[in-house]
C-alpha atoms as a PDB file:
ATOM      1  CA  MET A   1      21.940 -16.774  40.653  1.00  0.00           C
ATOM      2  CA  LYS A   2      24.474 -19.210  39.233  1.00  0.00           C
ATOM      3  CA  ILE A   3      25.881 -18.876  35.749  1.00  0.00           C
ATOM      4  CA  GLN A   4      23.998 -21.985  34.608  1.00  0.00           C
ATOM      5  CA  ASN A   5      20.644 -20.300  35.538  1.00  0.00           C
ATOM      6  CA  LYS A   6      21.480 -16.972  33.723  1.00  0.00           C
ATOM      7  CA  LYS A   7      22.261 -18.768  30.414  1.00  0.00           C
ATOM      8  CA  ILE A   8      18.713 -20.165  30.079  1.00  0.00           C
ATOM      9  CA  PRO A   9      16.881 -16.808  30.018  1.00  0.00           C
ATOM     10  CA  ALA A  10      19.635 -15.450  27.724  1.00  0.00           C
ATOM     11  CA  SER A  11      19.070 -18.319  25.332  1.00  0.00           C
ATOM     12  CA  ILE A  12      15.397 -17.909  25.373  1.00  0.00           C
ATOM     13  CA  LEU A  13      15.692 -14.180  24.551  1.00  0.00           C
ATOM     14  CA  PHE A  14      18.099 -14.845  21.828  1.00  0.00           C
ATOM     15  CA  VAL A  15      15.830 -17.345  20.159  1.00  0.00           C
ATOM     16  CA  LEU A  16      12.742 -15.040  20.438  1.00  0.00           C
ATOM     17  CA  ILE A  17      14.619 -12.023  19.075  1.00  0.00           C
ATOM     18  CA  SER A  18      15.849 -14.240  16.165  1.00  0.00           C
ATOM     19  CA  CYS A  19      12.228 -15.236  15.365  1.00  0.00           C
ATOM     20  CA  VAL A  20      11.142 -11.620  15.257  1.00  0.00           C
ATOM     21  CA  CYS A  21      13.998 -10.631  12.923  1.00  0.00           C
ATOM     22  CA  VAL A  22      13.130 -13.428  10.537  1.00  0.00           C
ATOM     23  CA  ALA A  23       9.477 -12.439  10.601  1.00  0.00           C
ATOM     24  CA  GLN A  24      10.207  -8.937   9.253  1.00  0.00           C
ATOM     25  CA  ASP A  25       9.609  -8.586   5.550  1.00  0.00           C
ATOM     26  CA  GLY A  26      12.674  -7.367   3.678  1.00  0.00           C
ATOM     27  CA  ALA A  27      10.785  -6.003   0.722  1.00  0.00           C
ATOM     28  CA  PRO A  28      10.697  -2.246   0.267  1.00  0.00           C
ATOM     29  CA  PRO A  29       7.306  -0.536   0.492  1.00  0.00           C
ATOM     30  CA  PRO A  30       5.353   0.045  -2.750  1.00  0.00           C
ATOM     31  CA  PRO A  31       6.055   3.251  -4.512  1.00  0.00           C
ATOM     32  CA  MET A  32       3.833   6.321  -3.838  1.00  0.00           C
ATOM     33  CA  PRO A  33       1.173   7.034  -6.355  1.00  0.00           C
ATOM     34  CA  PRO A  34       1.848  10.090  -8.556  1.00  0.00           C
ATOM     35  CA  PRO A  35       0.428  13.353  -7.150  1.00  0.00           C
ATOM     36  CA  PRO A  36      -2.748  14.746  -8.496  1.00  0.00           C
ATOM     37  CA  PRO A  37      -2.331  17.421 -11.254  1.00  0.00           C
ATOM     38  CA  GLY A  38      -1.942  20.863  -9.744  1.00  0.00           C
ATOM     39  CA  LEU A  39      -4.357  23.485 -10.627  1.00  0.00           C
ATOM     40  CA  PRO A  40      -3.262  27.175 -10.926  1.00  0.00           C
ATOM     41  CA  ILE A  41      -4.756  29.450  -8.256  1.00  0.00           C
ATOM     42  CA  ASP A  42      -3.171  32.646  -9.603  1.00  0.00           C
ATOM     43  CA  GLY A  43      -5.793  33.214 -12.411  1.00  0.00           C
ATOM     44  CA  PHE A  44      -7.929  35.917 -10.679  1.00  0.00           C
ATOM     45  CA  THR A  45      -5.891  36.517  -7.529  1.00  0.00           C
ATOM     46  CA  THR A  46      -4.999  40.012  -8.591  1.00  0.00           C
ATOM     47  CA  LEU A  47      -8.600  40.891  -9.501  1.00  0.00           C
ATOM     48  CA  ALA A  48      -9.903  39.349  -6.243  1.00  0.00           C
ATOM     49  CA  LEU A  49      -7.411  41.526  -4.222  1.00  0.00           C
ATOM     50  CA  VAL A  50      -8.392  44.699  -6.116  1.00  0.00           C
ATOM     51  CA  VAL A  51     -12.063  44.012  -5.665  1.00  0.00           C
ATOM     52  CA  GLY A  52     -11.594  43.151  -1.953  1.00  0.00           C
ATOM     53  CA  ALA A  53      -9.531  46.464  -1.450  1.00  0.00           C
ATOM     54  CA  TYR A  54     -12.264  48.481  -3.210  1.00  0.00           C
ATOM     55  CA  ILE A  55     -15.044  46.992  -1.082  1.00  0.00           C
ATOM     56  CA  GLY A  56     -12.955  47.425   2.166  1.00  0.00           C
ATOM     57  CA  ILE A  57     -12.036  51.069   1.343  1.00  0.00           C
ATOM     58  CA  LYS A  58     -15.701  51.763   0.444  1.00  0.00           C
ATOM     59  CA  LYS A  59     -17.094  50.277   3.696  1.00  0.00           C
ATOM     60  CA  THR A  60     -14.397  52.211   5.708  1.00  0.00           C
ATOM     61  CA  LEU A  61     -15.477  55.509   4.016  1.00  0.00           C
ATOM     62  CA  GLN A  62     -19.228  54.807   4.620  1.00  0.00           C
ATOM     63  CA  ARG A  63     -18.612  54.113   8.384  1.00  0.00           C
ATOM     64  CA  SER A  64     -16.443  57.258   8.745  1.00  0.00           C
ATOM     65  CA  LYS A  65     -19.239  59.371   7.229  1.00  0.00           C
ATOM     66  CA  ASN A  66     -21.803  58.101   9.831  1.00  0.00           C
END
């Protein structure tokens, strides 16, 4: 292919890439909304663990008796 024929596709690609670059919006994205308020989950965690351990030990002892 001659140099003259290589310049035409290169020119077309240059123009198309330029159009794509101009079409992009330069504005930054809008800021994220604030996160929802956090709710504490540690209120009855200790109590739940104690009750769960009690029930687990109780069931284990009942099964070992049978």
